[in-house]
Each structure stands twice: as structure tokens, then as C-alpha cells.
Amino acid sequence: MQQIAFTMRLKPGNEAEYQRRHDEIWPELSAALTDAGVRDYSIFLDRQTGTLFAVQRRTDTHTADALPSLPIVQRWWAYMADLMDTNPDNSPVVTTLEPVFYHE
């Protein structure tokens, strides 16, 4: 199992809407994540800064790198673009985090 972590940024005042949209995540998007080998995906919010901290656990044979090319992912990005910092293609601006400690 591979674990990755990254941050994204939520625009001020969008906390409740971001939560609502994720509470109603599209079944097709959830299936795409599972099909790509994403077995555990958590997002945490630092309300003081608007920083979203995400952690994914992926199978060793995951295909998560292909997710951005899927129409369902692109539609989700467009749906979420008004709430967060995004790139020109509506993908979230992501900062990859380097692992420095792990305890099991």
C-alpha cells in the first residue's frame, strides 16, 4: 500500500459548501477512485487558514495517475472550482507533502 499526502486551499467562506458537496459525493466519482486503487482518502480542513490536508492510501498497482483524464474527474473539478484555488484546467492547486515520520 502506498500513502501520499498533499494540501489544497479553500477560498474563505466556503467551508460549509465544501463539506456539503463532499457529503454528497457522486457515486461515479467514488467508483472511479476505487477502480483506480484508492482505498482510503481523507481530507481535513484547517479553518484558520483554509488549508485542506489530504491523505490517500493506494494499492501497489494503482492507476490514480490516470484519474485526471477521466471525464467524471474533470466534471468534479469544474463543480468544485468556485470553492478552491485551481489551475487553468480547474484541477485543484496541490502541494505534495514529503513524508518525514510514520508510526503504525
PDB file of N, CA and C in Angstrom:
ATOM      1  N   MET A   1       0.849  -1.173   0.000  1.00  0.00           N
ATOM      2  CA  MET A   1       0.000   0.000   0.000  1.00  0.00           C
ATOM      3  C   MET A   1       0.896   1.238   0.000  1.00  0.00           C
ATOM      4  N   GLN A   2       0.553   2.194  -0.799  1.00  0.00           N
ATOM      5  CA  GLN A   2       1.282   3.458  -0.898  1.00  0.00           C
ATOM      6  C   GLN A   2       0.438   4.539  -0.233  1.00  0.00           C
ATOM      7  N   GLN A   3       1.084   5.430   0.479  1.00  0.00           N
ATOM      8  CA  GLN A   3       0.373   6.548   1.112  1.00  0.00           C
ATOM      9  C   GLN A   3       0.971   7.858   0.614  1.00  0.00           C
ATOM     10  N   ILE A   4       0.097   8.779   0.203  1.00  0.00           N
ATOM     11  CA  ILE A   4       0.555  10.102  -0.218  1.00  0.00           C
ATOM     12  C   ILE A   4      -0.259  11.150   0.532  1.00  0.00           C
ATOM     13  N   ALA A   5       0.316  12.333   0.657  1.00  0.00           N
ATOM     14  CA  ALA A   5      -0.377  13.446   1.313  1.00  0.00           C
ATOM     15  C   ALA A   5      -0.109  14.719   0.521  1.00  0.00           C
ATOM     16  N   PHE A   6      -1.098  15.600   0.539  1.00  0.00           N
ATOM     17  CA  PHE A   6      -0.960  16.861  -0.173  1.00  0.00           C
ATOM     18  C   PHE A   6      -1.901  17.890   0.435  1.00  0.00           C
ATOM     19  N   THR A   7      -1.650  19.158   0.118  1.00  0.00           N
ATOM     20  CA  THR A   7      -2.535  20.226   0.567  1.00  0.00           C
ATOM     21  C   THR A   7      -3.198  20.879  -0.640  1.00  0.00           C
ATOM     22  N   MET A   8      -4.342  21.476  -0.361  1.00  0.00           N
ATOM     23  CA  MET A   8      -5.079  22.295  -1.319  1.00  0.00           C
ATOM     24  C   MET A   8      -5.561  23.502  -0.521  1.00  0.00           C
ATOM     25  N   ARG A   9      -6.161  24.466  -1.169  1.00  0.00           N
ATOM     26  CA  ARG A   9      -6.597  25.668  -0.453  1.00  0.00           C
ATOM     27  C   ARG A   9      -8.043  25.993  -0.788  1.00  0.00           C
ATOM     28  N   LEU A  10      -8.818  26.171   0.261  1.00  0.00           N
ATOM     29  CA  LEU A  10     -10.222  26.538   0.157  1.00  0.00           C
ATOM     30  C   LEU A  10     -10.347  28.056   0.222  1.00  0.00           C
ATOM     31  N   LYS A  11     -11.177  28.612  -0.638  1.00  0.00           N
ATOM     32  CA  LYS A  11     -11.423  30.053  -0.601  1.00  0.00           C
ATOM     33  C   LYS A  11     -12.254  30.381   0.646  1.00  0.00           C
ATOM     34  N   PRO A  12     -11.992  31.527   1.279  1.00  0.00           N
ATOM     35  CA  PRO A  12     -12.702  31.891   2.512  1.00  0.00           C
ATOM     36  C   PRO A  12     -14.223  31.874   2.340  1.00  0.00           C
ATOM     37  N   GLY A  13     -14.893  31.394   3.378  1.00  0.00           N
ATOM     38  CA  GLY A  13     -16.350  31.393   3.405  1.00  0.00           C
ATOM     39  C   GLY A  13     -17.004  30.207   2.725  1.00  0.00           C
ATOM     40  N   ASN A  14     -16.225  29.263   2.241  1.00  0.00           N
ATOM     41  CA  ASN A  14     -16.772  28.122   1.509  1.00  0.00           C
ATOM     42  C   ASN A  14     -16.721  26.803   2.278  1.00  0.00           C
ATOM     43  N   GLU A  15     -16.429  26.873   3.556  1.00  0.00           N
ATOM     44  CA  GLU A  15     -16.259  25.660   4.342  1.00  0.00           C
ATOM     45  C   GLU A  15     -17.512  24.776   4.337  1.00  0.00           C
ATOM     46  N   ALA A  16     -18.655  25.351   4.620  1.00  0.00           N
ATOM     47  CA  ALA A  16     -19.896  24.567   4.704  1.00  0.00           C
ATOM     48  C   ALA A  16     -20.275  23.975   3.347  1.00  0.00           C
ATOM     49  N   GLU A  17     -20.106  24.746   2.289  1.00  0.00           N
ATOM     50  CA  GLU A  17     -20.454  24.241   0.953  1.00  0.00           C
ATOM     51  C   GLU A  17     -19.491  23.133   0.520  1.00  0.00           C
ATOM     52  N   TYR A  18     -18.224  23.281   0.832  1.00  0.00           N
ATOM     53  CA  TYR A  18     -17.245  22.238   0.520  1.00  0.00           C
ATOM     54  C   TYR A  18     -17.637  20.939   1.222  1.00  0.00           C
ATOM     55  N   GLN A  19     -17.997  21.052   2.497  1.00  0.00           N
ATOM     56  CA  GLN A  19     -18.420  19.871   3.264  1.00  0.00           C
ATOM     57  C   GLN A  19     -19.685  19.258   2.655  1.00  0.00           C
ATOM     58  N   ARG A  20     -20.656  20.100   2.314  1.00  0.00           N
ATOM     59  CA  ARG A  20     -21.920  19.606   1.747  1.00  0.00           C
ATOM     60  C   ARG A  20     -21.678  18.842   0.460  1.00  0.00           C
ATOM     61  N   ARG A  21     -20.858  19.390  -0.413  1.00  0.00           N
ATOM     62  CA  ARG A  21     -20.598  18.724  -1.692  1.00  0.00           C
ATOM     63  C   ARG A  21     -19.895  17.388  -1.496  1.00  0.00           C
ATOM     64  N   HIS A  22     -18.992  17.310  -0.532  1.00  0.00           N
ATOM     65  CA  HIS A  22     -18.327  16.034  -0.277  1.00  0.00           C
ATOM     66  C   HIS A  22     -19.250  15.051   0.438  1.00  0.00           C
ATOM     67  N   ASP A  23     -20.166  15.553   1.233  1.00  0.00           N
ATOM     68  CA  ASP A  23     -21.155  14.661   1.855  1.00  0.00           C
ATOM     69  C   ASP A  23     -22.040  14.008   0.799  1.00  0.00           C
ATOM     70  N   GLU A  24     -22.164  14.653  -0.354  1.00  0.00           N
ATOM     71  CA  GLU A  24     -22.994  14.161  -1.450  1.00  0.00           C
ATOM     72  C   GLU A  24     -22.131  13.766  -2.655  1.00  0.00           C
ATOM     73  N   ILE A  25     -20.948  13.213  -2.382  1.00  0.00           N
ATOM     74  CA  ILE A  25     -20.033  12.868  -3.476  1.00  0.00           C
ATOM     75  C   ILE A  25     -20.749  11.963  -4.489  1.00  0.00           C
ATOM     76  N   TRP A  26     -20.479  12.222  -5.740  1.00  0.00           N
ATOM     77  CA  TRP A  26     -21.129  11.469  -6.810  1.00  0.00           C
ATOM     78  C   TRP A  26     -20.676  10.011  -6.777  1.00  0.00           C
ATOM     79  N   PRO A  27     -21.612   9.073  -6.857  1.00  0.00           N
ATOM     80  CA  PRO A  27     -21.240   7.649  -6.860  1.00  0.00           C
ATOM     81  C   PRO A  27     -20.260   7.290  -7.979  1.00  0.00           C
ATOM     82  N   GLU A  28     -20.392   7.936  -9.137  1.00  0.00           N
ATOM     83  CA  GLU A  28     -19.482   7.655 -10.250  1.00  0.00           C
ATOM     84  C   GLU A  28     -18.047   8.082  -9.927  1.00  0.00           C
ATOM     85  N   LEU A  29     -17.903   9.172  -9.186  1.00  0.00           N
ATOM     86  CA  LEU A  29     -16.572   9.624  -8.794  1.00  0.00           C
ATOM     87  C   LEU A  29     -15.986   8.680  -7.754  1.00  0.00           C
ATOM     88  N   SER A  30     -16.792   8.301  -6.797  1.00  0.00           N
ATOM     89  CA  SER A  30     -16.346   7.358  -5.779  1.00  0.00           C
ATOM     90  C   SER A  30     -15.899   6.038  -6.424  1.00  0.00           C
ATOM     91  N   ALA A  31     -16.668   5.562  -7.401  1.00  0.00           N
ATOM     92  CA  ALA A  31     -16.315   4.326  -8.109  1.00  0.00           C
ATOM     93  C   ALA A  31     -15.009   4.491  -8.882  1.00  0.00           C
ATOM     94  N   ALA A  32     -14.807   5.639  -9.497  1.00  0.00           N
ATOM     95  CA  ALA A  32     -13.571   5.887 -10.251  1.00  0.00           C
ATOM     96  C   ALA A  32     -12.358   5.844  -9.328  1.00  0.00           C
ATOM     97  N   LEU A  33     -12.484   6.416  -8.144  1.00  0.00           N
ATOM     98  CA  LEU A  33     -11.386   6.379  -7.176  1.00  0.00           C
ATOM     99  C   LEU A  33     -11.087   4.939  -6.762  1.00  0.00           C
ATOM    100  N   THR A  34     -12.122   4.192  -6.454  1.00  0.00           N
ATOM    101  CA  THR A  34     -11.944   2.794  -6.059  1.00  0.00           C
ATOM    102  C   THR A  34     -11.335   1.988  -7.195  1.00  0.00           C
ATOM    103  N   ASP A  35     -11.857   2.162  -8.405  1.00  0.00           N
ATOM    104  CA  ASP A  35     -11.334   1.438  -9.564  1.00  0.00           C
ATOM    105  C   ASP A  35      -9.865   1.754  -9.822  1.00  0.00           C
ATOM    106  N   ALA A  36      -9.437   2.957  -9.465  1.00  0.00           N
ATOM    107  CA  ALA A  36      -8.045   3.374  -9.665  1.00  0.00           C
ATOM    108  C   ALA A  36      -7.118   2.892  -8.547  1.00  0.00           C
ATOM    109  N   GLY A  37      -7.684   2.217  -7.551  1.00  0.00           N
ATOM    110  CA  GLY A  37      -6.858   1.681  -6.474  1.00  0.00           C
ATOM    111  C   GLY A  37      -6.729   2.579  -5.264  1.00  0.00           C
ATOM    112  N   VAL A  38      -7.562   3.618  -5.175  1.00  0.00           N
ATOM    113  CA  VAL A  38      -7.559   4.476  -3.985  1.00  0.00           C
ATOM    114  C   VAL A  38      -8.439   3.785  -2.946  1.00  0.00           C
ATOM    115  N   ARG A  39      -7.825   3.321  -1.867  1.00  0.00           N
ATOM    116  CA  ARG A  39      -8.538   2.536  -0.864  1.00  0.00           C
ATOM    117  C   ARG A  39      -8.935   3.334   0.374  1.00  0.00           C
ATOM    118  N   ASP A  40      -8.310   4.467   0.564  1.00  0.00           N
ATOM    119  CA  ASP A  40      -8.608   5.294   1.737  1.00  0.00           C
ATOM    120  C   ASP A  40      -8.241   6.718   1.348  1.00  0.00           C
ATOM    121  N   TYR A  41      -9.183   7.645   1.473  1.00  0.00           N
ATOM    122  CA  TYR A  41      -8.930   9.029   1.071  1.00  0.00           C
ATOM    123  C   TYR A  41      -9.602   9.913   2.098  1.00  0.00           C
ATOM    124  N   SER A  42      -8.812  10.680   2.813  1.00  0.00           N
ATOM    125  CA  SER A  42      -9.331  11.592   3.832  1.00  0.00           C
ATOM    126  C   SER A  42      -8.875  13.005   3.519  1.00  0.00           C
ATOM    127  N   ILE A  43      -9.756  13.974   3.777  1.00  0.00           N
ATOM    128  CA  ILE A  43      -9.419  15.385   3.631  1.00  0.00           C
ATOM    129  C   ILE A  43      -9.769  16.075   4.946  1.00  0.00           C
ATOM    130  N   PHE A  44      -8.834  16.839   5.476  1.00  0.00           N
ATOM    131  CA  PHE A  44      -9.013  17.578   6.717  1.00  0.00           C
ATOM    132  C   PHE A  44      -8.916  19.070   6.416  1.00  0.00           C
ATOM    133  N   LEU A  45      -9.617  19.875   7.175  1.00  0.00           N
ATOM    134  CA  LEU A  45      -9.625  21.325   6.977  1.00  0.00           C
ATOM    135  C   LEU A  45      -9.040  22.043   8.179  1.00  0.00           C
ATOM    136  N   ASP A  46      -8.091  22.948   7.927  1.00  0.00           N
ATOM    137  CA  ASP A  46      -7.619  23.894   8.939  1.00  0.00           C
ATOM    138  C   ASP A  46      -8.450  25.160   8.732  1.00  0.00           C
ATOM    139  N   ARG A  47      -9.436  25.383   9.562  1.00  0.00           N
ATOM    140  CA  ARG A  47     -10.371  26.502   9.392  1.00  0.00           C
ATOM    141  C   ARG A  47      -9.692  27.866   9.504  1.00  0.00           C
ATOM    142  N   GLN A  48      -8.596  27.952  10.230  1.00  0.00           N
ATOM    143  CA  GLN A  48      -7.916  29.237  10.378  1.00  0.00           C
ATOM    144  C   GLN A  48      -7.246  29.687   9.081  1.00  0.00           C
ATOM    145  N   THR A  49      -6.760  28.731   8.291  1.00  0.00           N
ATOM    146  CA  THR A  49      -6.007  29.098   7.087  1.00  0.00           C
ATOM    147  C   THR A  49      -6.712  28.721   5.784  1.00  0.00           C
ATOM    148  N   GLY A  50      -7.738  27.879   5.868  1.00  0.00           N
ATOM    149  CA  GLY A  50      -8.394  27.379   4.664  1.00  0.00           C
ATOM    150  C   GLY A  50      -7.608  26.281   3.978  1.00  0.00           C
ATOM    151  N   THR A  51      -6.575  25.782   4.640  1.00  0.00           N
ATOM    152  CA  THR A  51      -5.774  24.705   4.069  1.00  0.00           C
ATOM    153  C   THR A  51      -6.510  23.382   4.218  1.00  0.00           C
ATOM    154  N   LEU A  52      -6.591  22.676   3.098  1.00  0.00           N
ATOM    155  CA  LEU A  52      -7.127  21.321   3.081  1.00  0.00           C
ATOM    156  C   LEU A  52      -5.942  20.364   3.056  1.00  0.00           C
ATOM    157  N   PHE A  53      -5.925  19.415   3.965  1.00  0.00           N
ATOM    158  CA  PHE A  53      -4.852  18.431   4.060  1.00  0.00           C
ATOM    159  C   PHE A  53      -5.437  17.085   3.667  1.00  0.00           C
ATOM    160  N   ALA A  54      -4.921  16.483   2.609  1.00  0.00           N
ATOM    161  CA  ALA A  54      -5.468  15.235   2.086  1.00  0.00           C
ATOM    162  C   ALA A  54      -4.452  14.105   2.214  1.00  0.00           C
ATOM    163  N   VAL A  55      -4.966  12.912   2.509  1.00  0.00           N
ATOM    164  CA  VAL A  55      -4.153  11.707   2.596  1.00  0.00           C
ATOM    165  C   VAL A  55      -4.864  10.618   1.800  1.00  0.00           C
ATOM    166  N   GLN A  56      -4.112   9.967   0.936  1.00  0.00           N
ATOM    167  CA  GLN A  56      -4.637   8.835   0.170  1.00  0.00           C
ATOM    168  C   GLN A  56      -3.777   7.607   0.416  1.00  0.00           C
ATOM    169  N   ARG A  57      -4.450   6.488   0.553  1.00  0.00           N
ATOM    170  CA  ARG A  57      -3.764   5.194   0.544  1.00  0.00           C
ATOM    171  C   ARG A  57      -4.158   4.511  -0.757  1.00  0.00           C
ATOM    172  N   ARG A  58      -3.157   4.071  -1.481  1.00  0.00           N
ATOM    173  CA  ARG A  58      -3.360   3.484  -2.798  1.00  0.00           C
ATOM    174  C   ARG A  58      -2.747   2.087  -2.844  1.00  0.00           C
ATOM    175  N   THR A  59      -3.379   1.223  -3.610  1.00  0.00           N
ATOM    176  CA  THR A  59      -2.807  -0.104  -3.800  1.00  0.00           C
ATOM    177  C   THR A  59      -1.485   0.008  -4.547  1.00  0.00           C
ATOM    178  N   ASP A  60      -0.678  -1.016  -4.448  1.00  0.00           N
ATOM    179  CA  ASP A  60       0.619  -1.006  -5.137  1.00  0.00           C
ATOM    180  C   ASP A  60       0.452  -0.993  -6.652  1.00  0.00           C
ATOM    181  N   THR A  61      -0.697  -1.424  -7.143  1.00  0.00           N
ATOM    182  CA  THR A  61      -0.954  -1.458  -8.590  1.00  0.00           C
ATOM    183  C   THR A  61      -1.952  -0.373  -9.008  1.00  0.00           C
ATOM    184  N   HIS A  62      -2.017   0.720  -8.252  1.00  0.00           N
ATOM    185  CA  HIS A  62      -2.988   1.776  -8.523  1.00  0.00           C
ATOM    186  C   HIS A  62      -2.773   2.404  -9.903  1.00  0.00           C
ATOM    187  N   THR A  63      -3.847   3.010 -10.390  1.00  0.00           N
ATOM    188  CA  THR A  63      -3.794   3.770 -11.652  1.00  0.00           C
ATOM    189  C   THR A  63      -4.273   5.202 -11.408  1.00  0.00           C
ATOM    190  N   ALA A  64      -4.048   5.692 -10.198  1.00  0.00           N
ATOM    191  CA  ALA A  64      -4.522   7.019  -9.809  1.00  0.00           C
ATOM    192  C   ALA A  64      -3.948   8.133 -10.678  1.00  0.00           C
ATOM    193  N   ASP A  65      -2.788   7.929 -11.258  1.00  0.00           N
ATOM    194  CA  ASP A  65      -2.197   8.959 -12.114  1.00  0.00           C
ATOM    195  C   ASP A  65      -3.030   9.218 -13.367  1.00  0.00           C
ATOM    196  N   ALA A  66      -3.893   8.283 -13.729  1.00  0.00           N
ATOM    197  CA  ALA A  66      -4.757   8.442 -14.905  1.00  0.00           C
ATOM    198  C   ALA A  66      -6.088   9.116 -14.555  1.00  0.00           C
ATOM    199  N   LEU A  67      -6.390   9.302 -13.293  1.00  0.00           N
ATOM    200  CA  LEU A  67      -7.672   9.903 -12.890  1.00  0.00           C
ATOM    201  C   LEU A  67      -7.935  11.264 -13.537  1.00  0.00           C
ATOM    202  N   PRO A  68      -6.947  12.168 -13.642  1.00  0.00           N
ATOM    203  CA  PRO A  68      -7.228  13.486 -14.236  1.00  0.00           C
ATOM    204  C   PRO A  68      -7.759  13.446 -15.663  1.00  0.00           C
ATOM    205  N   SER A  69      -7.544  12.364 -16.378  1.00  0.00           N
ATOM    206  CA  SER A  69      -8.025  12.274 -17.754  1.00  0.00           C
ATOM    207  C   SER A  69      -9.483  11.812 -17.841  1.00  0.00           C
ATOM    208  N   LEU A  70     -10.057  11.378 -16.735  1.00  0.00           N
ATOM    209  CA  LEU A  70     -11.436  10.873 -16.751  1.00  0.00           C
ATOM    210  C   LEU A  70     -12.446  12.021 -16.773  1.00  0.00           C
ATOM    211  N   PRO A  71     -13.471  11.932 -17.609  1.00  0.00           N
ATOM    212  CA  PRO A  71     -14.500  12.976 -17.658  1.00  0.00           C
ATOM    213  C   PRO A  71     -15.174  13.229 -16.310  1.00  0.00           C
ATOM    214  N   ILE A  72     -15.388  12.184 -15.499  1.00  0.00           N
ATOM    215  CA  ILE A  72     -16.045  12.374 -14.204  1.00  0.00           C
ATOM    216  C   ILE A  72     -15.182  13.218 -13.276  1.00  0.00           C
ATOM    217  N   VAL A  73     -13.870  13.042 -13.335  1.00  0.00           N
ATOM    218  CA  VAL A  73     -12.948  13.837 -12.507  1.00  0.00           C
ATOM    219  C   VAL A  73     -12.937  15.280 -12.999  1.00  0.00           C
ATOM    220  N   GLN A  74     -12.912  15.466 -14.298  1.00  0.00           N
ATOM    221  CA  GLN A  74     -12.926  16.816 -14.850  1.00  0.00           C
ATOM    222  C   GLN A  74     -14.223  17.548 -14.508  1.00  0.00           C
ATOM    223  N   ARG A  75     -15.348  16.829 -14.510  1.00  0.00           N
ATOM    224  CA  ARG A  75     -16.625  17.446 -14.118  1.00  0.00           C
ATOM    225  C   ARG A  75     -16.616  17.828 -12.639  1.00  0.00           C
ATOM    226  N   TRP A  76     -16.026  16.971 -11.800  1.00  0.00           N
ATOM    227  CA  TRP A  76     -15.932  17.271 -10.364  1.00  0.00           C
ATOM    228  C   TRP A  76     -15.078  18.516 -10.138  1.00  0.00           C
ATOM    229  N   TRP A  77     -13.956  18.594 -10.834  1.00  0.00           N
ATOM    230  CA  TRP A  77     -13.095  19.768 -10.708  1.00  0.00           C
ATOM    231  C   TRP A  77     -13.853  21.034 -11.082  1.00  0.00           C
ATOM    232  N   ALA A  78     -14.591  20.992 -12.170  1.00  0.00           N
ATOM    233  CA  ALA A  78     -15.363  22.169 -12.597  1.00  0.00           C
ATOM    234  C   ALA A  78     -16.420  22.516 -11.547  1.00  0.00           C
ATOM    235  N   TYR A  79     -17.038  21.513 -10.970  1.00  0.00           N
ATOM    236  CA  TYR A  79     -18.062  21.690  -9.929  1.00  0.00           C
ATOM    237  C   TYR A  79     -17.472  22.324  -8.669  1.00  0.00           C
ATOM    238  N   MET A  80     -16.228  21.998  -8.363  1.00  0.00           N
ATOM    239  CA  MET A  80     -15.591  22.475  -7.138  1.00  0.00           C
ATOM    240  C   MET A  80     -14.780  23.754  -7.339  1.00  0.00           C
ATOM    241  N   ALA A  81     -14.559  24.179  -8.576  1.00  0.00           N
ATOM    242  CA  ALA A  81     -13.643  25.283  -8.880  1.00  0.00           C
ATOM    243  C   ALA A  81     -14.009  26.593  -8.212  1.00  0.00           C
ATOM    244  N   ASP A  82     -15.295  26.842  -7.973  1.00  0.00           N
ATOM    245  CA  ASP A  82     -15.672  28.110  -7.343  1.00  0.00           C
ATOM    246  C   ASP A  82     -15.333  28.151  -5.858  1.00  0.00           C
ATOM    247  N   LEU A  83     -14.992  27.011  -5.273  1.00  0.00           N
ATOM    248  CA  LEU A  83     -14.742  26.938  -3.836  1.00  0.00           C
ATOM    249  C   LEU A  83     -13.268  26.962  -3.444  1.00  0.00           C
ATOM    250  N   MET A  84     -12.385  26.674  -4.391  1.00  0.00           N
ATOM    251  CA  MET A  84     -10.984  26.490  -4.018  1.00  0.00           C
ATOM    252  C   MET A  84     -10.040  27.061  -5.063  1.00  0.00           C
ATOM    253  N   ASP A  85      -8.777  27.172  -4.693  1.00  0.00           N
ATOM    254  CA  ASP A  85      -7.755  27.624  -5.635  1.00  0.00           C
ATOM    255  C   ASP A  85      -7.549  26.537  -6.682  1.00  0.00           C
ATOM    256  N   THR A  86      -7.603  26.946  -7.964  1.00  0.00           N
ATOM    257  CA  THR A  86      -7.490  25.976  -9.042  1.00  0.00           C
ATOM    258  C   THR A  86      -6.503  26.426 -10.109  1.00  0.00           C
ATOM    259  N   ASN A  87      -6.089  25.471 -10.898  1.00  0.00           N
ATOM    260  CA  ASN A  87      -5.275  25.704 -12.086  1.00  0.00           C
ATOM    261  C   ASN A  87      -6.204  26.055 -13.249  1.00  0.00           C
ATOM    262  N   PRO A  88      -5.652  26.496 -14.391  1.00  0.00           N
ATOM    263  CA  PRO A  88      -6.500  26.848 -15.536  1.00  0.00           C
ATOM    264  C   PRO A  88      -7.432  25.726 -16.012  1.00  0.00           C
ATOM    265  N   ASP A  89      -7.054  24.455 -15.778  1.00  0.00           N
ATOM    266  CA  ASP A  89      -7.915  23.333 -16.189  1.00  0.00           C
ATOM    267  C   ASP A  89      -8.929  22.937 -15.101  1.00  0.00           C
ATOM    268  N   ASN A  90      -9.066  23.764 -14.073  1.00  0.00           N
ATOM    269  CA  ASN A  90      -9.961  23.553 -12.924  1.00  0.00           C
ATOM    270  C   ASN A  90      -9.444  22.540 -11.912  1.00  0.00           C
ATOM    271  N   SER A  91      -8.314  21.905 -12.172  1.00  0.00           N
ATOM    272  CA  SER A  91      -7.752  20.994 -11.170  1.00  0.00           C
ATOM    273  C   SER A  91      -7.328  21.819  -9.959  1.00  0.00           C
ATOM    274  N   PRO A  92      -7.457  21.243  -8.764  1.00  0.00           N
ATOM    275  CA  PRO A  92      -7.034  21.996  -7.587  1.00  0.00           C
ATOM    276  C   PRO A  92      -5.532  22.246  -7.585  1.00  0.00           C
ATOM    277  N   VAL A  93      -5.141  23.402  -7.092  1.00  0.00           N
ATOM    278  CA  VAL A  93      -3.719  23.666  -6.876  1.00  0.00           C
ATOM    279  C   VAL A  93      -3.297  22.773  -5.708  1.00  0.00           C
ATOM    280  N   VAL A  94      -2.337  21.903  -5.972  1.00  0.00           N
ATOM    281  CA  VAL A  94      -1.916  20.895  -4.997  1.00  0.00           C
ATOM    282  C   VAL A  94      -0.452  21.108  -4.651  1.00  0.00           C
ATOM    283  N   THR A  95      -0.139  21.001  -3.373  1.00  0.00           N
ATOM    284  CA  THR A  95       1.243  20.974  -2.912  1.00  0.00           C
ATOM    285  C   THR A  95       1.484  19.594  -2.319  1.00  0.00           C
ATOM    286  N   THR A  96       2.370  18.834  -2.953  1.00  0.00           N
ATOM    287  CA  THR A  96       2.693  17.497  -2.473  1.00  0.00           C
ATOM    288  C   THR A  96       3.535  17.610  -1.211  1.00  0.00           C
ATOM    289  N   LEU A  97       3.241  16.765  -0.243  1.00  0.00           N
ATOM    290  CA  LEU A  97       3.977  16.766   1.014  1.00  0.00           C
ATOM    291  C   LEU A  97       4.919  15.572   1.071  1.00  0.00           C
ATOM    292  N   GLU A  98       6.066  15.803   1.650  1.00  0.00           N
ATOM    293  CA  GLU A  98       7.093  14.773   1.781  1.00  0.00           C
ATOM    294  C   GLU A  98       6.928  14.056   3.120  1.00  0.00           C
ATOM    295  N   PRO A  99       6.883  12.732   3.115  1.00  0.00           N
ATOM    296  CA  PRO A  99       6.766  12.021   4.392  1.00  0.00           C
ATOM    297  C   PRO A  99       8.061  12.146   5.205  1.00  0.00           C
ATOM    298  N   VAL A 100       7.913  12.414   6.485  1.00  0.00           N
ATOM    299  CA  VAL A 100       9.084  12.508   7.362  1.00  0.00           C
ATOM    300  C   VAL A 100       8.972  11.591   8.590  1.00  0.00           C
ATOM    301  N   PHE A 101       7.767  11.075   8.882  1.00  0.00           N
ATOM    302  CA  PHE A 101       7.599  10.204  10.038  1.00  0.00           C
ATOM    303  C   PHE A 101       6.363   9.361   9.851  1.00  0.00           C
ATOM    304  N   TYR A 102       6.452   8.106  10.253  1.00  0.00           N
ATOM    305  CA  TYR A 102       5.312   7.200  10.200  1.00  0.00           C
ATOM    306  C   TYR A 102       5.372   6.263  11.399  1.00  0.00           C
ATOM    307  N   HIS A 103       4.259   6.061  12.059  1.00  0.00           N
ATOM    308  CA  HIS A 103       4.162   5.121  13.164  1.00  0.00           C
ATOM    309  C   HIS A 103       2.940   4.255  12.965  1.00  0.00           C
ATOM    310  N   GLU A 104       3.109   2.963  12.989  1.00  0.00           N
ATOM    311  CA  GLU A 104       1.975   2.057  12.811  1.00  0.00           C
ATOM    312  C   GLU A 104       1.679   1.357  14.109  1.00  0.00           C
TER     313      GLU A 104
END
